């Protein structure tokens, strides 16, 4: 596996994470789950229990990509995309996180572009993204890239609260 995606924007660099970077992935992912537990479909306790091989496996799969965002050499964010298991012509966006001091300056655009590019390379015909109701920043970001509201479903979130998950679709 090679790092087949690397993009720079002044002091910011986005690149696909490789299995050898599993410790960095683990660190930023656990920070994300600890910082904003209400917005993720998993939880800190579950993923803190993953062993080295679990983290490596997540980065090895060809059916998914995890992108790391760096400011100079500091890891400040991550985001993922995967082929939908039931329908590999559809990609699913997940796990977006940017450290608090770097939010609100347009960096999520780098994530969206990388994940859309990845889905196109995989010959996907559509991309799905979802968020918990009330996550207006996620909504604004996905709509900026042309995602359209599809539907909502009530789900039990990892923090134990029942709330709507809003689902959006982008046709490629």
N, C-alpha and C. Protein backbone atom coordinates (compact mmCIF):
# COMPACT_ATOMS: atom_id res chain seq x y z
N UNK A 1 0.84 -1.17 0.00
CA UNK A 1 0.00 0.00 0.00
C UNK A 1 0.89 1.24 0.00
N UNK A 2 0.53 2.18 -0.83
CA UNK A 2 1.28 3.42 -0.89
C UNK A 2 0.36 4.57 -0.54
N UNK A 3 0.97 5.68 -0.21
CA UNK A 3 0.21 6.88 0.06
C UNK A 3 -0.09 7.50 -1.29
N UNK A 4 -1.22 7.11 -1.89
CA UNK A 4 -1.55 7.53 -3.24
C UNK A 4 -2.28 8.86 -3.29
N UNK A 5 -2.41 9.51 -2.16
CA UNK A 5 -3.07 10.80 -2.13
C UNK A 5 -2.34 11.71 -1.17
N UNK A 6 -1.83 12.78 -1.69
CA UNK A 6 -1.18 13.79 -0.86
C UNK A 6 -1.46 15.13 -1.50
N UNK A 7 -2.00 16.04 -0.72
CA UNK A 7 -2.34 17.35 -1.24
C UNK A 7 -1.91 18.40 -0.25
N UNK A 8 -1.31 19.47 -0.73
CA UNK A 8 -0.87 20.55 0.15
C UNK A 8 -1.62 21.83 -0.16
N UNK A 9 -1.85 22.62 0.87
CA UNK A 9 -2.51 23.91 0.76
C UNK A 9 -1.79 24.83 1.74
N UNK A 10 -0.80 25.55 1.29
CA UNK A 10 0.06 26.41 2.12
C UNK A 10 0.67 25.60 3.26
N UNK A 11 0.30 25.88 4.50
CA UNK A 11 0.89 25.19 5.65
C UNK A 11 0.16 23.90 6.01
N UNK A 12 -0.86 23.55 5.25
CA UNK A 12 -1.67 22.36 5.55
C UNK A 12 -1.44 21.28 4.50
N UNK A 13 -1.32 20.05 4.99
CA UNK A 13 -1.13 18.90 4.11
C UNK A 13 -2.13 17.83 4.48
N UNK A 14 -2.73 17.25 3.46
CA UNK A 14 -3.65 16.14 3.65
C UNK A 14 -3.07 14.93 2.95
N UNK A 15 -3.04 13.80 3.66
CA UNK A 15 -2.52 12.59 3.03
C UNK A 15 -3.25 11.37 3.56
N UNK A 16 -3.29 10.35 2.72
CA UNK A 16 -3.89 9.09 3.14
C UNK A 16 -2.95 8.42 4.14
N UNK A 17 -3.52 7.93 5.23
CA UNK A 17 -2.70 7.28 6.26
C UNK A 17 -2.36 5.86 5.83
N UNK A 18 -1.15 5.46 6.15
CA UNK A 18 -0.64 4.12 5.84
C UNK A 18 -0.63 3.27 7.10
N UNK A 19 -0.63 1.94 6.95
CA UNK A 19 -0.61 1.06 8.13
C UNK A 19 0.52 1.37 9.11
N UNK A 20 1.66 1.81 8.62
CA UNK A 20 2.78 2.13 9.50
C UNK A 20 2.47 3.33 10.40
N UNK A 21 1.43 4.08 10.08
CA UNK A 21 1.04 5.25 10.87
C UNK A 21 -0.08 4.93 11.86
N UNK A 22 -0.23 3.67 12.20
CA UNK A 22 -1.35 3.25 13.06
C UNK A 22 -1.36 3.96 14.40
N UNK A 23 -0.19 4.26 14.98
CA UNK A 23 -0.16 4.93 16.28
C UNK A 23 -0.69 6.36 16.19
N UNK A 24 -0.34 7.05 15.11
CA UNK A 24 -0.87 8.40 14.90
C UNK A 24 -2.38 8.35 14.69
N UNK A 25 -2.83 7.36 13.91
CA UNK A 25 -4.27 7.20 13.68
C UNK A 25 -4.99 6.94 15.00
N UNK A 26 -4.46 6.02 15.78
CA UNK A 26 -5.06 5.69 17.08
C UNK A 26 -5.16 6.95 17.95
N UNK A 27 -4.09 7.71 18.02
CA UNK A 27 -4.04 8.90 18.87
C UNK A 27 -5.09 9.93 18.48
N UNK A 28 -5.16 10.28 17.19
CA UNK A 28 -6.09 11.33 16.76
C UNK A 28 -7.53 10.81 16.81
N UNK A 29 -7.75 9.54 16.52
CA UNK A 29 -9.10 8.97 16.57
C UNK A 29 -9.63 8.96 18.01
N UNK A 30 -8.80 8.52 18.94
CA UNK A 30 -9.24 8.51 20.34
C UNK A 30 -9.46 9.93 20.86
N UNK A 31 -8.63 10.87 20.43
CA UNK A 31 -8.84 12.27 20.80
C UNK A 31 -10.18 12.76 20.28
N UNK A 32 -10.50 12.40 19.04
CA UNK A 32 -11.77 12.81 18.44
C UNK A 32 -12.95 12.25 19.24
N UNK A 33 -12.89 10.97 19.56
CA UNK A 33 -13.97 10.32 20.31
C UNK A 33 -14.11 10.90 21.72
N UNK A 34 -13.01 11.32 22.30
CA UNK A 34 -13.03 11.90 23.64
C UNK A 34 -13.50 13.36 23.62
N UNK A 35 -13.11 14.10 22.58
CA UNK A 35 -13.44 15.52 22.47
C UNK A 35 -14.91 15.75 22.11
N UNK A 36 -15.41 15.00 21.15
CA UNK A 36 -16.78 15.19 20.64
C UNK A 36 -17.55 13.87 20.57
N UNK A 37 -17.78 13.22 21.70
CA UNK A 37 -18.41 11.89 21.67
C UNK A 37 -19.82 11.89 21.07
N UNK A 38 -20.50 13.01 21.12
CA UNK A 38 -21.88 13.07 20.66
C UNK A 38 -22.03 13.03 19.14
N UNK A 39 -20.95 13.21 18.39
CA UNK A 39 -21.10 13.27 16.93
C UNK A 39 -20.60 12.03 16.20
N UNK A 40 -20.10 11.06 16.92
CA UNK A 40 -19.55 9.87 16.27
C UNK A 40 -20.44 8.65 16.47
N UNK A 41 -20.35 7.72 15.55
CA UNK A 41 -21.12 6.48 15.61
C UNK A 41 -20.44 5.40 16.43
N UNK A 42 -19.32 5.71 17.04
CA UNK A 42 -18.60 4.78 17.90
C UNK A 42 -18.32 5.50 19.22
N UNK A 43 -17.54 4.86 20.09
CA UNK A 43 -17.22 5.55 21.34
C UNK A 43 -15.79 5.24 21.78
N UNK A 44 -15.31 6.08 22.68
CA UNK A 44 -13.94 5.99 23.16
C UNK A 44 -13.64 4.64 23.80
N UNK A 45 -14.52 4.18 24.66
CA UNK A 45 -14.28 2.93 25.39
C UNK A 45 -14.07 1.76 24.44
N UNK A 46 -14.91 1.68 23.42
CA UNK A 46 -14.80 0.59 22.45
C UNK A 46 -13.45 0.63 21.72
N UNK A 47 -13.12 1.79 21.16
CA UNK A 47 -11.92 1.88 20.33
C UNK A 47 -10.64 1.93 21.14
N UNK A 48 -10.70 2.38 22.38
CA UNK A 48 -9.51 2.34 23.24
C UNK A 48 -9.09 0.89 23.49
N UNK A 49 -10.02 -0.03 23.35
CA UNK A 49 -9.73 -1.45 23.53
C UNK A 49 -9.15 -2.14 22.30
N UNK A 50 -9.08 -1.44 21.17
CA UNK A 50 -8.48 -2.03 19.97
C UNK A 50 -7.00 -2.27 20.20
N UNK A 51 -6.48 -3.36 19.65
CA UNK A 51 -5.04 -3.62 19.73
C UNK A 51 -4.35 -3.13 18.45
N UNK A 52 -3.05 -3.25 18.42
CA UNK A 52 -2.24 -2.77 17.30
C UNK A 52 -2.77 -3.31 15.97
N UNK A 53 -3.06 -4.60 15.91
CA UNK A 53 -3.50 -5.20 14.65
C UNK A 53 -4.85 -4.65 14.20
N UNK A 54 -5.73 -4.35 15.14
CA UNK A 54 -7.02 -3.74 14.78
C UNK A 54 -6.80 -2.41 14.04
N UNK A 55 -5.91 -1.57 14.58
CA UNK A 55 -5.65 -0.27 13.96
C UNK A 55 -4.98 -0.43 12.60
N UNK A 56 -4.03 -1.35 12.51
CA UNK A 56 -3.36 -1.59 11.23
C UNK A 56 -4.36 -2.07 10.19
N UNK A 57 -5.22 -3.00 10.57
CA UNK A 57 -6.22 -3.54 9.64
C UNK A 57 -7.13 -2.44 9.10
N UNK A 58 -7.52 -1.51 9.95
CA UNK A 58 -8.37 -0.41 9.50
C UNK A 58 -7.69 0.44 8.43
N UNK A 59 -6.37 0.54 8.50
CA UNK A 59 -5.63 1.34 7.52
C UNK A 59 -5.22 0.53 6.29
N UNK A 60 -5.26 -0.79 6.37
CA UNK A 60 -4.84 -1.65 5.25
C UNK A 60 -5.93 -1.88 4.22
N UNK A 61 -7.16 -1.81 4.63
CA UNK A 61 -8.27 -2.18 3.76
C UNK A 61 -8.32 -1.29 2.52
N UNK A 62 -8.40 -1.94 1.35
CA UNK A 62 -8.51 -1.20 0.10
C UNK A 62 -9.90 -0.60 -0.08
N UNK A 63 -10.86 -1.09 0.68
CA UNK A 63 -12.24 -0.62 0.56
C UNK A 63 -12.51 0.63 1.40
N UNK A 64 -11.46 1.19 1.98
CA UNK A 64 -11.61 2.40 2.78
C UNK A 64 -10.33 3.20 2.77
N UNK A 65 -10.44 4.47 3.12
CA UNK A 65 -9.26 5.33 3.22
C UNK A 65 -9.46 6.28 4.39
N UNK A 66 -8.40 6.45 5.16
CA UNK A 66 -8.38 7.42 6.25
C UNK A 66 -7.40 8.51 5.86
N UNK A 67 -7.86 9.75 5.87
CA UNK A 67 -7.02 10.88 5.51
C UNK A 67 -6.63 11.65 6.77
N UNK A 68 -5.36 12.00 6.85
CA UNK A 68 -4.83 12.77 7.98
C UNK A 68 -4.55 14.20 7.51
N UNK A 69 -4.89 15.15 8.35
CA UNK A 69 -4.65 16.56 8.07
C UNK A 69 -3.56 17.06 9.00
N UNK A 70 -2.53 17.66 8.40
CA UNK A 70 -1.40 18.18 9.16
C UNK A 70 -1.29 19.68 8.98
N UNK A 71 -0.96 20.38 10.06
CA UNK A 71 -0.55 21.78 10.00
C UNK A 71 0.95 21.75 10.26
N UNK A 72 1.71 22.09 9.23
CA UNK A 72 3.15 21.89 9.24
C UNK A 72 3.36 20.39 9.51
N UNK A 73 3.93 19.99 10.63
CA UNK A 73 4.11 18.56 10.91
C UNK A 73 3.21 18.05 12.02
N UNK A 74 2.26 18.87 12.46
CA UNK A 74 1.37 18.50 13.56
C UNK A 74 0.08 17.90 13.01
N UNK A 75 -0.26 16.69 13.46
CA UNK A 75 -1.51 16.04 13.06
C UNK A 75 -2.67 16.75 13.75
N UNK A 76 -3.57 17.33 12.94
CA UNK A 76 -4.66 18.12 13.51
C UNK A 76 -6.05 17.59 13.17
N UNK A 77 -6.13 16.56 12.33
CA UNK A 77 -7.45 16.07 11.98
C UNK A 77 -7.41 14.78 11.19
N UNK A 78 -8.59 14.17 11.06
CA UNK A 78 -8.71 12.97 10.24
C UNK A 78 -10.11 12.88 9.69
N UNK A 79 -10.25 12.10 8.64
CA UNK A 79 -11.55 11.85 8.04
C UNK A 79 -11.47 10.57 7.23
N UNK A 80 -12.60 9.87 7.11
CA UNK A 80 -12.60 8.60 6.41
C UNK A 80 -13.67 8.49 5.34
N UNK A 81 -13.44 7.51 4.46
CA UNK A 81 -14.39 7.16 3.41
C UNK A 81 -14.27 5.66 3.19
N UNK A 82 -15.40 5.02 2.93
CA UNK A 82 -15.40 3.57 2.70
C UNK A 82 -16.46 3.21 1.68
N UNK A 83 -16.23 2.09 1.01
CA UNK A 83 -17.26 1.56 0.14
C UNK A 83 -18.35 0.94 1.00
N UNK A 84 -19.59 1.18 0.65
CA UNK A 84 -20.72 0.60 1.39
C UNK A 84 -20.72 -0.90 1.15
N UNK A 85 -20.74 -1.69 2.21
CA UNK A 85 -20.65 -3.15 2.10
C UNK A 85 -21.73 -3.74 1.21
N UNK A 86 -22.95 -3.28 1.35
CA UNK A 86 -24.06 -3.84 0.60
C UNK A 86 -24.12 -3.34 -0.84
N UNK A 87 -23.42 -2.26 -1.13
CA UNK A 87 -23.54 -1.62 -2.43
C UNK A 87 -22.25 -0.85 -2.73
N UNK A 88 -21.28 -1.54 -3.31
CA UNK A 88 -19.94 -0.95 -3.48
C UNK A 88 -19.88 0.19 -4.49
N UNK A 89 -20.99 0.51 -5.14
CA UNK A 89 -21.00 1.68 -6.02
C UNK A 89 -21.30 2.95 -5.22
N UNK A 90 -21.50 2.77 -3.92
CA UNK A 90 -21.76 3.90 -3.02
C UNK A 90 -20.65 3.99 -1.98
N UNK A 91 -20.15 5.20 -1.78
CA UNK A 91 -19.15 5.45 -0.73
C UNK A 91 -19.85 6.11 0.45
N UNK A 92 -19.30 5.88 1.64
CA UNK A 92 -19.83 6.47 2.86
C UNK A 92 -18.72 7.32 3.49
N UNK A 93 -19.03 8.55 3.83
CA UNK A 93 -18.08 9.43 4.51
C UNK A 93 -18.29 9.29 6.01
N UNK A 94 -17.18 9.27 6.77
CA UNK A 94 -17.29 9.09 8.22
C UNK A 94 -16.09 9.69 8.94
N UNK A 95 -16.23 9.81 10.24
CA UNK A 95 -15.13 10.12 11.18
C UNK A 95 -14.40 11.42 10.95
N UNK A 96 -15.08 12.47 10.56
CA UNK A 96 -14.38 13.74 10.37
C UNK A 96 -14.13 14.42 11.72
N UNK A 97 -12.91 14.87 11.89
CA UNK A 97 -12.52 15.56 13.12
C UNK A 97 -11.38 16.52 12.82
N UNK A 98 -11.50 17.73 13.34
CA UNK A 98 -10.44 18.73 13.29
C UNK A 98 -10.29 19.29 14.70
N UNK A 99 -9.05 19.37 15.18
CA UNK A 99 -8.81 19.91 16.52
C UNK A 99 -9.40 21.32 16.63
N UNK A 100 -9.91 21.63 17.81
CA UNK A 100 -10.65 22.87 18.05
C UNK A 100 -9.94 24.13 17.53
N UNK A 101 -8.65 24.34 17.79
CA UNK A 101 -8.03 25.61 17.34
C UNK A 101 -8.01 25.79 15.81
N UNK A 102 -8.26 24.72 15.06
CA UNK A 102 -8.18 24.77 13.60
C UNK A 102 -9.56 24.74 12.94
N UNK A 103 -10.61 24.77 13.72
CA UNK A 103 -11.96 24.73 13.17
C UNK A 103 -12.40 26.10 12.68
N UNK A 104 -13.32 26.09 11.73
CA UNK A 104 -13.93 27.33 11.26
C UNK A 104 -13.10 28.11 10.26
N UNK A 105 -12.06 27.50 9.70
CA UNK A 105 -11.23 28.21 8.72
C UNK A 105 -11.25 27.53 7.35
N UNK A 106 -12.22 26.65 7.14
CA UNK A 106 -12.42 26.05 5.83
C UNK A 106 -11.63 24.79 5.53
N UNK A 107 -11.01 24.19 6.54
CA UNK A 107 -10.18 23.01 6.29
C UNK A 107 -10.99 21.77 5.93
N UNK A 108 -12.26 21.72 6.30
CA UNK A 108 -13.07 20.55 5.95
C UNK A 108 -13.19 20.39 4.44
N UNK A 109 -12.98 21.48 3.70
CA UNK A 109 -13.01 21.39 2.23
C UNK A 109 -11.96 20.41 1.72
N UNK A 110 -10.80 20.39 2.38
CA UNK A 110 -9.74 19.46 1.98
C UNK A 110 -10.21 18.01 2.16
N UNK A 111 -10.89 17.74 3.26
CA UNK A 111 -11.42 16.39 3.50
C UNK A 111 -12.45 16.01 2.45
N UNK A 112 -13.40 16.90 2.20
CA UNK A 112 -14.45 16.58 1.23
C UNK A 112 -13.86 16.30 -0.15
N UNK A 113 -12.94 17.14 -0.59
CA UNK A 113 -12.38 16.95 -1.93
C UNK A 113 -11.61 15.63 -2.02
N UNK A 114 -10.82 15.30 -1.01
CA UNK A 114 -10.06 14.05 -1.02
C UNK A 114 -10.98 12.84 -1.04
N UNK A 115 -12.04 12.87 -0.25
CA UNK A 115 -12.94 11.72 -0.18
C UNK A 115 -13.78 11.59 -1.44
N UNK A 116 -14.19 12.70 -2.01
CA UNK A 116 -14.92 12.65 -3.28
C UNK A 116 -14.00 12.12 -4.38
N UNK A 117 -12.76 12.59 -4.43
CA UNK A 117 -11.79 12.08 -5.41
C UNK A 117 -11.59 10.58 -5.25
N UNK A 118 -11.45 10.11 -4.00
CA UNK A 118 -11.26 8.68 -3.74
C UNK A 118 -12.46 7.89 -4.25
N UNK A 119 -13.67 8.36 -3.97
CA UNK A 119 -14.88 7.67 -4.42
C UNK A 119 -14.94 7.61 -5.94
N UNK A 120 -14.54 8.67 -6.59
CA UNK A 120 -14.52 8.66 -8.07
C UNK A 120 -13.50 7.65 -8.59
N UNK A 121 -12.33 7.59 -7.95
CA UNK A 121 -11.32 6.60 -8.35
C UNK A 121 -11.83 5.18 -8.19
N UNK A 122 -12.69 4.96 -7.22
CA UNK A 122 -13.28 3.64 -6.97
C UNK A 122 -14.51 3.40 -7.84
N UNK A 123 -14.81 4.34 -8.72
CA UNK A 123 -15.93 4.26 -9.65
C UNK A 123 -17.30 4.22 -8.96
N UNK A 124 -17.38 4.92 -7.86
CA UNK A 124 -18.66 5.03 -7.16
C UNK A 124 -19.60 5.93 -7.96
N UNK A 125 -20.88 5.67 -7.84
CA UNK A 125 -21.89 6.50 -8.51
C UNK A 125 -22.58 7.44 -7.53
N UNK A 126 -22.37 7.21 -6.24
CA UNK A 126 -22.95 8.10 -5.24
C UNK A 126 -22.15 8.04 -3.94
N UNK A 127 -22.35 9.06 -3.12
CA UNK A 127 -21.70 9.15 -1.81
C UNK A 127 -22.77 9.52 -0.79
N UNK A 128 -22.72 8.86 0.36
CA UNK A 128 -23.64 9.12 1.45
C UNK A 128 -22.86 9.69 2.63
N UNK A 129 -23.44 10.67 3.29
CA UNK A 129 -22.88 11.20 4.53
C UNK A 129 -24.05 11.45 5.47
N UNK A 130 -23.80 11.29 6.74
CA UNK A 130 -24.87 11.52 7.71
C UNK A 130 -24.31 12.23 8.94
N UNK A 131 -25.21 12.79 9.72
CA UNK A 131 -24.81 13.40 10.98
C UNK A 131 -26.00 13.41 11.92
N UNK A 132 -25.69 13.61 13.16
CA UNK A 132 -26.72 13.71 14.19
C UNK A 132 -27.45 15.03 14.03
N UNK A 133 -28.74 15.01 14.25
CA UNK A 133 -29.52 16.24 14.16
C UNK A 133 -28.89 17.30 15.08
N UNK A 134 -28.83 18.53 14.58
CA UNK A 134 -28.25 19.62 15.35
C UNK A 134 -26.80 19.92 15.00
N UNK A 135 -26.16 19.05 14.22
CA UNK A 135 -24.77 19.28 13.83
C UNK A 135 -24.77 20.16 12.57
N UNK A 136 -25.00 21.44 12.77
CA UNK A 136 -25.15 22.38 11.66
C UNK A 136 -23.86 22.58 10.86
N UNK A 137 -22.70 22.43 11.52
CA UNK A 137 -21.44 22.57 10.79
C UNK A 137 -21.28 21.45 9.77
N UNK A 138 -21.64 20.23 10.15
CA UNK A 138 -21.57 19.11 9.22
C UNK A 138 -22.55 19.32 8.06
N UNK A 139 -23.73 19.77 8.38
CA UNK A 139 -24.74 20.03 7.35
C UNK A 139 -24.23 21.08 6.35
N UNK A 140 -23.70 22.17 6.85
CA UNK A 140 -23.21 23.24 5.97
C UNK A 140 -22.08 22.74 5.08
N UNK A 141 -21.18 21.94 5.65
CA UNK A 141 -20.05 21.43 4.87
C UNK A 141 -20.52 20.50 3.77
N UNK A 142 -21.42 19.57 4.08
CA UNK A 142 -21.83 18.62 3.04
C UNK A 142 -22.66 19.31 1.96
N UNK A 143 -23.47 20.28 2.34
CA UNK A 143 -24.27 20.97 1.34
C UNK A 143 -23.42 21.87 0.45
N UNK A 144 -22.32 22.37 0.97
CA UNK A 144 -21.39 23.15 0.15
C UNK A 144 -20.87 22.31 -1.02
N UNK A 145 -20.75 21.01 -0.82
CA UNK A 145 -20.26 20.12 -1.87
C UNK A 145 -21.37 19.45 -2.67
N UNK A 146 -22.59 19.92 -2.51
CA UNK A 146 -23.69 19.45 -3.35
C UNK A 146 -24.48 18.28 -2.83
N UNK A 147 -24.24 17.86 -1.60
CA UNK A 147 -25.04 16.78 -1.02
C UNK A 147 -26.47 17.28 -0.81
N UNK A 148 -27.43 16.39 -1.05
CA UNK A 148 -28.85 16.71 -0.89
C UNK A 148 -29.44 15.82 0.20
N UNK A 149 -30.32 16.41 0.99
CA UNK A 149 -30.99 15.66 2.04
C UNK A 149 -31.72 14.46 1.44
N UNK A 150 -31.57 13.30 2.06
CA UNK A 150 -32.22 12.08 1.60
C UNK A 150 -33.33 11.65 2.56
N UNK A 151 -32.97 11.45 3.83
CA UNK A 151 -33.95 10.99 4.81
C UNK A 151 -33.35 11.09 6.21
N UNK A 152 -34.19 10.81 7.19
CA UNK A 152 -33.70 10.75 8.57
C UNK A 152 -34.16 9.43 9.18
N UNK A 153 -33.44 9.03 10.20
CA UNK A 153 -33.80 7.82 10.94
C UNK A 153 -33.42 8.03 12.39
N UNK A 154 -34.27 7.55 13.27
CA UNK A 154 -33.99 7.67 14.69
C UNK A 154 -33.03 6.56 15.09
N UNK A 155 -31.94 6.93 15.73
CA UNK A 155 -30.93 5.94 16.14
C UNK A 155 -30.52 6.19 17.59
N UNK A 156 -30.01 5.13 18.20
CA UNK A 156 -29.43 5.24 19.53
C UNK A 156 -27.95 5.54 19.33
N UNK A 157 -27.50 6.70 19.76
CA UNK A 157 -26.11 7.11 19.59
C UNK A 157 -25.26 6.49 20.70
N UNK A 158 -23.95 6.37 20.47
CA UNK A 158 -23.08 5.76 21.47
C UNK A 158 -23.10 6.44 22.84
N UNK A 159 -23.55 7.70 22.90
CA UNK A 159 -23.64 8.37 24.21
C UNK A 159 -24.94 8.00 24.94
N UNK A 160 -25.71 7.06 24.35
CA UNK A 160 -26.92 6.57 25.00
C UNK A 160 -28.17 7.39 24.73
N UNK A 161 -28.08 8.37 23.85
CA UNK A 161 -29.23 9.22 23.55
C UNK A 161 -29.86 8.82 22.22
N UNK A 162 -31.18 8.87 22.19
CA UNK A 162 -31.94 8.60 20.98
C UNK A 162 -32.13 9.92 20.25
N UNK A 163 -31.70 9.98 18.98
CA UNK A 163 -31.81 11.21 18.20
C UNK A 163 -31.80 10.87 16.72
N UNK A 164 -32.31 11.78 15.92
CA UNK A 164 -32.33 11.56 14.47
C UNK A 164 -30.93 11.63 13.88
N UNK A 165 -30.70 10.74 12.93
CA UNK A 165 -29.52 10.79 12.07
C UNK A 165 -30.02 11.29 10.72
N UNK A 166 -29.47 12.40 10.25
CA UNK A 166 -29.86 12.97 8.96
C UNK A 166 -28.90 12.46 7.90
N UNK A 167 -29.46 11.96 6.80
CA UNK A 167 -28.67 11.33 5.74
C UNK A 167 -28.74 12.18 4.48
N UNK A 168 -27.59 12.37 3.84
CA UNK A 168 -27.48 13.17 2.63
C UNK A 168 -26.81 12.35 1.54
N UNK A 169 -27.12 12.68 0.28
CA UNK A 169 -26.62 11.91 -0.86
C UNK A 169 -26.03 12.85 -1.91
N UNK A 170 -24.91 12.44 -2.48
CA UNK A 170 -24.31 13.14 -3.61
C UNK A 170 -24.21 12.16 -4.75
N UNK A 171 -24.82 12.48 -5.88
CA UNK A 171 -24.71 11.66 -7.09
C UNK A 171 -23.47 12.10 -7.84
N UNK A 172 -22.65 11.13 -8.24
CA UNK A 172 -21.43 11.45 -8.98
C UNK A 172 -21.66 11.32 -10.48
